[in-house]
C-alpha atoms as a PDB file:
ATOM      1  CA  HIS A   1    -190.564 -40.824 206.935  1.00  0.00           C
ATOM      2  CA  TYR A   2    -187.521 -40.618 204.650  1.00  0.00           C
ATOM      3  CA  LEU A   3    -185.616 -38.306 207.034  1.00  0.00           C
ATOM      4  CA  TRP A   4    -186.315 -40.655 209.942  1.00  0.00           C
ATOM      5  CA  GLY A   5    -184.827 -43.463 207.863  1.00  0.00           C
ATOM      6  CA  VAL A   6    -181.758 -41.336 207.085  1.00  0.00           C
ATOM      7  CA  VAL A   7    -181.181 -40.723 210.794  1.00  0.00           C
ATOM      8  CA  ARG A   8    -181.168 -44.496 211.303  1.00  0.00           C
ATOM      9  CA  GLY A   9    -178.798 -45.053 208.363  1.00  0.00           C
ATOM     10  CA  ASP A  10    -181.539 -46.189 205.983  1.00  0.00           C
ATOM     11  CA  LEU A  11    -181.284 -44.452 202.587  1.00  0.00           C
ATOM     12  CA  GLY A  12    -183.917 -46.646 200.995  1.00  0.00           C
ATOM     13  CA  ARG A  13    -183.729 -49.674 198.744  1.00  0.00           C
ATOM     14  CA  SER A  14    -182.611 -49.500 195.138  1.00  0.00           C
ATOM     15  CA  TYR A  15    -185.214 -50.351 192.515  1.00  0.00           C
ATOM     16  CA  VAL A  16    -182.536 -51.911 190.284  1.00  0.00           C
ATOM     17  CA  THR A  17    -180.228 -53.841 192.627  1.00  0.00           C
ATOM     18  CA  GLN A  18    -182.938 -54.558 195.241  1.00  0.00           C
ATOM     19  CA  ARG A  19    -180.334 -53.839 197.903  1.00  0.00           C
ATOM     20  CA  PRO A  20    -180.063 -51.064 200.519  1.00  0.00           C
ATOM     21  CA  VAL A  21    -178.654 -47.930 198.884  1.00  0.00           C
ATOM     22  CA  LEU A  22    -176.228 -47.373 201.750  1.00  0.00           C
ATOM     23  CA  GLY A  23    -174.814 -50.849 201.231  1.00  0.00           C
ATOM     24  CA  ASP A  24    -174.256 -50.172 197.529  1.00  0.00           C
ATOM     25  CA  LEU A  25    -172.544 -46.862 198.337  1.00  0.00           C
ATOM     26  CA  VAL A  26    -170.308 -48.361 201.020  1.00  0.00           C
ATOM     27  CA  GLU A  27    -169.270 -51.073 198.555  1.00  0.00           C
ATOM     28  CA  ARG A  28    -168.427 -48.595 195.771  1.00  0.00           C
ATOM     29  CA  PHE A  29    -167.028 -45.655 197.750  1.00  0.00           C
ATOM     30  CA  PRO A  30    -163.578 -47.230 198.423  1.00  0.00           C
ATOM     31  CA  LYS A  31    -163.084 -47.524 194.652  1.00  0.00           C
ATOM     32  CA  THR A  32    -163.951 -43.841 194.189  1.00  0.00           C
ATOM     33  CA  LEU A  33    -161.660 -43.011 197.108  1.00  0.00           C
ATOM     34  CA  GLN A  34    -158.865 -44.981 195.453  1.00  0.00           C
ATOM     35  CA  LEU A  35    -159.295 -43.058 192.208  1.00  0.00           C
ATOM     36  CA  ALA A  36    -159.535 -39.720 194.039  1.00  0.00           C
ATOM     37  CA  GLY A  37    -156.397 -40.451 196.068  1.00  0.00           C
ATOM     38  CA  ALA A  38    -154.372 -41.308 192.975  1.00  0.00           C
ATOM     39  CA  ALA A  39    -155.618 -38.205 191.145  1.00  0.00           C
ATOM     40  CA  MET A  40    -154.868 -35.992 194.154  1.00  0.00           C
ATOM     41  CA  LEU A  41    -151.346 -37.399 194.525  1.00  0.00           C
ATOM     42  CA  LEU A  42    -150.660 -36.839 190.847  1.00  0.00           C
ATOM     43  CA  ALA A  43    -152.150 -33.334 190.857  1.00  0.00           C
ATOM     44  CA  ALA A  44    -150.374 -32.236 194.028  1.00  0.00           C
ATOM     45  CA  THR A  45    -146.991 -33.545 192.904  1.00  0.00           C
ATOM     46  CA  CYS A  46    -147.073 -32.164 189.373  1.00  0.00           C
ATOM     47  CA  GLY A  47    -149.082 -28.987 189.990  1.00  0.00           C
ATOM     48  CA  ILE A  48    -147.162 -27.746 193.030  1.00  0.00           C
ATOM     49  CA  THR A  49    -143.808 -28.576 191.441  1.00  0.00           C
ATOM     50  CA  LEU A  50    -144.684 -26.698 188.252  1.00  0.00           C
ATOM     51  CA  GLY A  51    -145.988 -23.739 190.251  1.00  0.00           C
ATOM     52  CA  VAL A  52    -142.871 -23.455 192.425  1.00  0.00           C
ATOM     53  CA  LEU A  53    -140.525 -23.753 189.437  1.00  0.00           C
ATOM     54  CA  ALA A  54    -142.526 -21.150 187.530  1.00  0.00           C
ATOM     55  CA  ALA A  55    -142.370 -18.702 190.460  1.00  0.00           C
ATOM     56  CA  VAL A  56    -138.664 -19.209 191.119  1.00  0.00           C
ATOM     57  CA  ARG A  57    -137.897 -18.735 187.411  1.00  0.00           C
ATOM     58  CA  ALA A  58    -140.550 -16.077 186.827  1.00  0.00           C
ATOM     59  CA  GLY A  59    -140.448 -14.670 183.321  1.00  0.00           C
ATOM     60  CA  GLY A  60    -138.153 -17.421 182.055  1.00  0.00           C
ATOM     61  CA  ALA A  61    -138.667 -20.372 179.754  1.00  0.00           C
ATOM     62  CA  ILE A  62    -139.753 -22.678 182.596  1.00  0.00           C
ATOM     63  CA  ASP A  63    -142.346 -20.141 183.721  1.00  0.00           C
ATOM     64  CA  ARG A  64    -143.801 -19.722 180.238  1.00  0.00           C
ATOM     65  CA  PHE A  65    -143.821 -23.470 179.589  1.00  0.00           C
ATOM     66  CA  SER A  66    -145.498 -24.240 182.934  1.00  0.00           C
ATOM     67  CA  MET A  67    -148.193 -21.633 182.444  1.00  0.00           C
ATOM     68  CA  LEU A  68    -148.796 -22.854 178.888  1.00  0.00           C
ATOM     69  CA  LEU A  69    -149.406 -26.351 180.245  1.00  0.00           C
ATOM     70  CA  ALA A  70    -151.670 -24.887 182.922  1.00  0.00           C
ATOM     71  CA  TYR A  71    -153.801 -22.967 180.410  1.00  0.00           C
ATOM     72  CA  ILE A  72    -154.071 -26.050 178.207  1.00  0.00           C
ATOM     73  CA  GLY A  73    -155.069 -28.202 181.179  1.00  0.00           C
ATOM     74  CA  VAL A  74    -157.793 -25.784 182.248  1.00  0.00           C
ATOM     75  CA  SER A  75    -159.182 -25.492 178.721  1.00  0.00           C
ATOM     76  CA  PHE A  76    -159.608 -29.194 177.911  1.00  0.00           C
ATOM     77  CA  PRO A  77    -162.801 -30.898 179.174  1.00  0.00           C
ATOM     78  CA  VAL A  78    -162.434 -34.113 181.166  1.00  0.00           C
ATOM     79  CA  TYR A  79    -164.355 -36.369 178.779  1.00  0.00           C
ATOM     80  CA  TRP A  80    -162.226 -35.218 175.826  1.00  0.00           C
ATOM     81  CA  VAL A  81    -158.949 -35.748 177.704  1.00  0.00           C
ATOM     82  CA  GLY A  82    -160.074 -39.228 178.748  1.00  0.00           C
ATOM     83  CA  LEU A  83    -160.916 -40.277 175.209  1.00  0.00           C
ATOM     84  CA  LEU A  84    -157.611 -38.914 173.891  1.00  0.00           C
ATOM     85  CA  LEU A  85    -155.651 -40.811 176.544  1.00  0.00           C
ATOM     86  CA  ILE A  86    -157.497 -44.029 175.696  1.00  0.00           C
ATOM     87  CA  LEU A  87    -156.799 -43.493 171.995  1.00  0.00           C
ATOM     88  CA  LEU A  88    -153.096 -42.817 172.594  1.00  0.00           C
ATOM     89  CA  PHE A  89    -152.044 -45.170 175.402  1.00  0.00           C
ATOM     90  CA  ALA A  90    -154.579 -47.995 175.030  1.00  0.00           C
ATOM     91  CA  VAL A  91    -155.376 -48.168 171.318  1.00  0.00           C
ATOM     92  CA  THR A  92    -152.277 -46.810 169.577  1.00  0.00           C
ATOM     93  CA  LEU A  93    -149.416 -47.665 171.952  1.00  0.00           C
ATOM     94  CA  GLN A  94    -151.248 -50.483 173.800  1.00  0.00           C
ATOM     95  CA  TRP A  95    -149.390 -49.701 177.008  1.00  0.00           C
ATOM     96  CA  LEU A  96    -152.403 -49.527 179.319  1.00  0.00           C
ATOM     97  CA  PRO A  97    -155.891 -51.075 179.457  1.00  0.00           C
ATOM     98  CA  PRO A  98    -158.630 -48.788 178.078  1.00  0.00           C
ATOM     99  CA  SER A  99    -161.110 -49.341 180.917  1.00  0.00           C
ATOM    100  CA  GLY A 100    -162.105 -51.564 183.801  1.00  0.00           C
ATOM    101  CA  TYR A 101    -161.061 -52.060 187.408  1.00  0.00           C
ATOM    102  CA  GLY A 102    -157.970 -53.904 188.598  1.00  0.00           C
ATOM    103  CA  GLY A 103    -154.351 -53.171 189.425  1.00  0.00           C
ATOM    104  CA  ILE A 104    -152.278 -50.020 189.040  1.00  0.00           C
ATOM    105  CA  ALA A 105    -152.361 -50.265 185.243  1.00  0.00           C
ATOM    106  CA  PHE A 106    -156.139 -49.731 185.282  1.00  0.00           C
ATOM    107  CA  LEU A 107    -155.750 -46.724 187.598  1.00  0.00           C
ATOM    108  CA  VAL A 108    -153.248 -44.672 185.578  1.00  0.00           C
ATOM    109  CA  LEU A 109    -155.480 -43.307 182.811  1.00  0.00           C
ATOM    110  CA  PRO A 110    -158.537 -42.398 184.934  1.00  0.00           C
ATOM    111  CA  ALA A 111    -156.324 -40.788 187.591  1.00  0.00           C
ATOM    112  CA  LEU A 112    -154.493 -38.753 184.949  1.00  0.00           C
ATOM    113  CA  THR A 113    -157.791 -37.725 183.371  1.00  0.00           C
ATOM    114  CA  LEU A 114    -159.331 -36.723 186.688  1.00  0.00           C
ATOM    115  CA  GLY A 115    -156.235 -34.848 187.842  1.00  0.00           C
ATOM    116  CA  THR A 116    -155.484 -32.874 184.658  1.00  0.00           C
ATOM    117  CA  ARG A 117    -157.522 -29.790 185.524  1.00  0.00           C
ATOM    118  CA  SER A 118    -156.293 -29.858 189.122  1.00  0.00           C
ATOM    119  CA  ILE A 119    -152.674 -29.880 187.963  1.00  0.00           C
ATOM    120  CA  ALA A 120    -153.388 -26.720 185.956  1.00  0.00           C
ATOM    121  CA  PHE A 121    -155.235 -24.945 188.779  1.00  0.00           C
ATOM    122  CA  LEU A 122    -152.624 -25.902 191.390  1.00  0.00           C
ATOM    123  CA  ALA A 123    -149.765 -24.743 189.164  1.00  0.00           C
ATOM    124  CA  ARG A 124    -151.352 -21.335 188.676  1.00  0.00           C
ATOM    125  CA  MET A 125    -152.349 -20.956 192.329  1.00  0.00           C
ATOM    126  CA  THR A 126    -148.940 -22.050 193.634  1.00  0.00           C
ATOM    127  CA  ARG A 127    -147.144 -19.697 191.268  1.00  0.00           C
ATOM    128  CA  GLY A 128    -149.280 -16.738 192.330  1.00  0.00           C
ATOM    129  CA  ALA A 129    -148.897 -17.483 196.044  1.00  0.00           C
ATOM    130  CA  MET A 130    -145.134 -17.936 195.729  1.00  0.00           C
ATOM    131  CA  LEU A 131    -144.740 -14.681 193.804  1.00  0.00           C
ATOM    132  CA  ASP A 132    -146.528 -12.897 196.658  1.00  0.00           C
ATOM    133  CA  VAL A 133    -144.217 -14.430 199.280  1.00  0.00           C
ATOM    134  CA  LEU A 134    -140.800 -14.383 197.590  1.00  0.00           C
ATOM    135  CA  PRO A 135    -140.301 -10.583 197.832  1.00  0.00           C
ATOM    136  CA  ALA A 136    -141.206 -10.606 201.559  1.00  0.00           C
ATOM    137  CA  ASP A 137    -138.750  -9.373 204.201  1.00  0.00           C
ATOM    138  CA  PHE A 138    -138.403 -12.744 205.959  1.00  0.00           C
ATOM    139  CA  VAL A 139    -137.312 -14.373 202.684  1.00  0.00           C
ATOM    140  CA  ARG A 140    -134.658 -11.702 202.107  1.00  0.00           C
ATOM    141  CA  THR A 141    -133.537 -12.106 205.714  1.00  0.00           C
ATOM    142  CA  ALA A 142    -133.163 -15.869 205.305  1.00  0.00           C
ATOM    143  CA  ARG A 143    -131.041 -15.334 202.211  1.00  0.00           C
ATOM    144  CA  ALA A 144    -128.967 -12.684 203.962  1.00  0.00           C
ATOM    145  CA  LYS A 145    -128.209 -15.150 206.775  1.00  0.00           C
ATOM    146  CA  GLY A 146    -126.742 -17.520 204.200  1.00  0.00           C
ATOM    147  CA  CYS A 147    -129.482 -20.176 204.141  1.00  0.00           C
ATOM    148  CA  PRO A 148    -129.267 -22.505 201.139  1.00  0.00           C
ATOM    149  CA  GLU A 149    -131.649 -21.494 198.357  1.00  0.00           C
ATOM    150  CA  ALA A 150    -133.504 -24.804 198.544  1.00  0.00           C
ATOM    151  CA  ARG A 151    -134.213 -24.226 202.232  1.00  0.00           C
ATOM    152  CA  VAL A 152    -135.287 -20.639 201.603  1.00  0.00           C
ATOM    153  CA  ILE A 153    -137.744 -21.773 198.938  1.00  0.00           C
ATOM    154  CA  GLY A 154    -139.037 -24.873 200.717  1.00  0.00           C
ATOM    155  CA  ARG A 155    -139.118 -23.917 204.393  1.00  0.00           C
ATOM    156  CA  HIS A 156    -139.616 -20.152 204.337  1.00  0.00           C
ATOM    157  CA  ALA A 157    -141.374 -19.232 201.101  1.00  0.00           C
ATOM    158  CA  PHE A 158    -143.428 -22.302 200.230  1.00  0.00           C
ATOM    159  CA  ARG A 159    -144.730 -22.906 203.756  1.00  0.00           C
ATOM    160  CA  ASN A 160    -146.088 -19.356 203.910  1.00  0.00           C
ATOM    161  CA  ALA A 161    -147.715 -19.801 200.496  1.00  0.00           C
ATOM    162  CA  LEU A 162    -149.526 -22.985 201.494  1.00  0.00           C
ATOM    163  CA  LEU A 163    -152.933 -21.622 202.547  1.00  0.00           C
ATOM    164  CA  PRO A 164    -154.370 -20.957 199.076  1.00  0.00           C
ATOM    165  CA  VAL A 165    -152.840 -24.228 197.853  1.00  0.00           C
ATOM    166  CA  ILE A 166    -154.558 -26.156 200.661  1.00  0.00           C
ATOM    167  CA  THR A 167    -157.837 -24.467 199.747  1.00  0.00           C
ATOM    168  CA  VAL A 168    -157.566 -25.605 196.129  1.00  0.00           C
ATOM    169  CA  LEU A 169    -156.545 -29.122 197.189  1.00  0.00           C
ATOM    170  CA  GLY A 170    -159.494 -29.392 199.555  1.00  0.00           C
ATOM    171  CA  LEU A 171    -161.981 -28.300 196.921  1.00  0.00           C
ATOM    172  CA  ASP A 172    -160.404 -30.638 194.381  1.00  0.00           C
ATOM    173  CA  VAL A 173    -160.616 -33.633 196.708  1.00  0.00           C
ATOM    174  CA  GLY A 174    -164.269 -32.859 197.311  1.00  0.00           C
ATOM    175  CA  ASN A 175    -164.827 -32.624 193.570  1.00  0.00           C
ATOM    176  CA  TYR A 176    -162.964 -35.903 193.017  1.00  0.00           C
ATOM    177  CA  LEU A 177    -165.199 -37.699 195.483  1.00  0.00           C
ATOM    178  CA  THR A 178    -168.454 -36.142 194.314  1.00  0.00           C
ATOM    179  CA  GLY A 179    -167.950 -35.185 190.680  1.00  0.00           C
ATOM    180  CA  SER A 180    -166.085 -38.074 189.074  1.00  0.00           C
ATOM    181  CA  ILE A 181    -169.168 -39.241 187.150  1.00  0.00           C
ATOM    182  CA  LEU A 182    -167.705 -38.558 183.707  1.00  0.00           C
ATOM    183  CA  THR A 183    -164.323 -40.122 184.450  1.00  0.00           C
ATOM    184  CA  GLU A 184    -165.780 -43.263 186.024  1.00  0.00           C
ATOM    185  CA  THR A 185    -168.214 -43.641 183.119  1.00  0.00           C
ATOM    186  CA  ILE A 186    -165.552 -43.250 180.421  1.00  0.00           C
ATOM    187  CA  PHE A 187    -163.255 -45.820 182.047  1.00  0.00           C
ATOM    188  CA  SER A 188    -166.009 -48.134 183.407  1.00  0.00           C
ATOM    189  CA  TRP A 189    -164.696 -47.568 186.919  1.00  0.00           C
ATOM    190  CA  PRO A 190    -167.144 -49.157 189.411  1.00  0.00           C
ATOM    191  CA  GLY A 191    -167.323 -46.229 191.811  1.00  0.00           C
ATOM    192  CA  VAL A 192    -170.017 -43.993 193.235  1.00  0.00           C
ATOM    193  CA  GLY A 193    -170.019 -41.676 190.217  1.00  0.00           C
ATOM    194  CA  ARG A 194    -170.908 -44.448 187.793  1.00  0.00           C
ATOM    195  CA  TYR A 195    -173.487 -45.746 190.262  1.00  0.00           C
ATOM    196  CA  VAL A 196    -175.183 -42.321 190.271  1.00  0.00           C
ATOM    197  CA  LEU A 197    -175.269 -42.159 186.472  1.00  0.00           C
ATOM    198  CA  LEU A 198    -176.742 -45.638 186.161  1.00  0.00           C
ATOM    199  CA  ALA A 199    -179.340 -44.744 188.796  1.00  0.00           C
ATOM    200  CA  ILE A 200    -180.331 -41.638 186.822  1.00  0.00           C
ATOM    201  CA  GLU A 201    -180.594 -43.620 183.587  1.00  0.00           C
ATOM    202  CA  LYS A 202    -182.775 -46.271 185.258  1.00  0.00           C
ATOM    203  CA  ARG A 203    -184.945 -43.699 187.111  1.00  0.00           C
ATOM    204  CA  ASP A 204    -183.818 -45.324 190.364  1.00  0.00           C
ATOM    205  CA  LEU A 205    -185.057 -42.560 192.680  1.00  0.00           C
ATOM    206  CA  PRO A 206    -183.932 -44.009 196.046  1.00  0.00           C
ATOM    207  CA  ALA A 207    -180.428 -44.575 194.675  1.00  0.00           C
ATOM    208  CA  VAL A 208    -180.243 -41.020 193.297  1.00  0.00           C
ATOM    209  CA  GLN A 209    -181.512 -39.454 196.535  1.00  0.00           C
ATOM    210  CA  GLY A 210    -179.242 -41.543 198.726  1.00  0.00           C
ATOM    211  CA  SER A 211    -176.185 -40.947 196.560  1.00  0.00           C
ATOM    212  CA  ILE A 212    -176.634 -37.168 196.468  1.00  0.00           C
ATOM    213  CA  LEU A 213    -177.121 -37.034 200.233  1.00  0.00           C
ATOM    214  CA  PHE A 214    -174.105 -39.281 200.844  1.00  0.00           C
ATOM    215  CA  LEU A 215    -171.841 -37.273 198.550  1.00  0.00           C
ATOM    216  CA  SER A 216    -173.011 -33.987 200.074  1.00  0.00           C
ATOM    217  CA  VAL A 217    -171.992 -35.166 203.532  1.00  0.00           C
ATOM    218  CA  VAL A 218    -168.603 -36.290 202.182  1.00  0.00           C
ATOM    219  CA  PHE A 219    -168.042 -32.893 200.535  1.00  0.00           C
ATOM    220  CA  VAL A 220    -168.860 -31.049 203.789  1.00  0.00           C
ATOM    221  CA  LEU A 221    -166.496 -33.274 205.789  1.00  0.00           C
ATOM    222  CA  VAL A 222    -163.663 -32.727 203.301  1.00  0.00           C
ATOM    223  CA  ASN A 223    -164.083 -28.959 203.570  1.00  0.00           C
ATOM    224  CA  LEU A 224    -164.101 -29.209 207.374  1.00  0.00           C
ATOM    225  CA  ILE A 225    -160.813 -31.137 207.298  1.00  0.00           C
ATOM    226  CA  THR A 226    -159.393 -28.499 204.927  1.00  0.00           C
ATOM    227  CA  ASP A 227    -160.257 -25.732 207.386  1.00  0.00           C
ATOM    228  CA  LEU A 228    -158.635 -27.635 210.242  1.00  0.00           C
ATOM    229  CA  LEU A 229    -155.452 -28.082 208.189  1.00  0.00           C
ATOM    230  CA  TYR A 230    -155.066 -24.297 207.968  1.00  0.00           C
ATOM    231  CA  ALA A 231    -153.925 -24.159 211.591  1.00  0.00           C
ATOM    232  CA  LYS A 232    -151.344 -26.879 210.938  1.00  0.00           C
ATOM    233  CA  ALA A 233    -149.950 -25.106 207.889  1.00  0.00           C
ATOM    234  CA  ASP A 234    -149.910 -21.627 209.454  1.00  0.00           C
ATOM    235  CA  PRO A 235    -149.720 -21.221 213.276  1.00  0.00           C
ATOM    236  CA  ARG A 236    -151.092 -17.691 212.895  1.00  0.00           C
ATOM    237  CA  VAL A 237    -154.470 -19.244 212.069  1.00  0.00           C
ATOM    238  CA  ALA A 238    -156.247 -20.115 215.314  1.00  0.00           C
ATOM    239  CA  TYR A 239    -159.703 -21.533 216.002  1.00  0.00           C
ATOM    240  CA  ASP A 240    -161.493 -20.650 219.229  1.00  0.00           C
END
């Protein structure tokens, strides 16, 4: 009976809100998507930049500093980072609001909290992929032809190091959309993650079932898109 309802787009009715679960999810998912997009943009910009700089200056001060930041970012749990950011930027400096939903100011702290671990992972992955590509023959050939160093790094080396980076980005986006429960709870962000936690606390079984099923489908679709992007990043990858 439940599966037949799922096929028809009926995920049940919430015990708490007395509304269709799918309606609640559709209302909250854009807010989670907004948070995930901001975190992904921040993680991709900072993580990839740190990784490329660390690989180009391998063994130098920039490399050691970038990897130190990466190890720190991986080691700190999300809930601890979020509370520290609230204490620093909201309580002490009073630059940003501590929680809630609104404009860009409300988005900065949760996006930074959610993207911290991804910045660390992307920096390490990008550095490793670039170090594998930089000694390659086609990179030496590009330099021998007199190509500017920025073009050698960006067009020749980085493009061929993109596949593992895309993999990490795809998994991170899926995690942002499905695993942001802690971040949304800490910052009172009205997204799907907080909805799931409230449903668990209230023993709202239809809401829990519907949310898990909805998020599972989203995660599968994100991974499918990631696989399709491989062919765009590397023409050698072909799908029959």
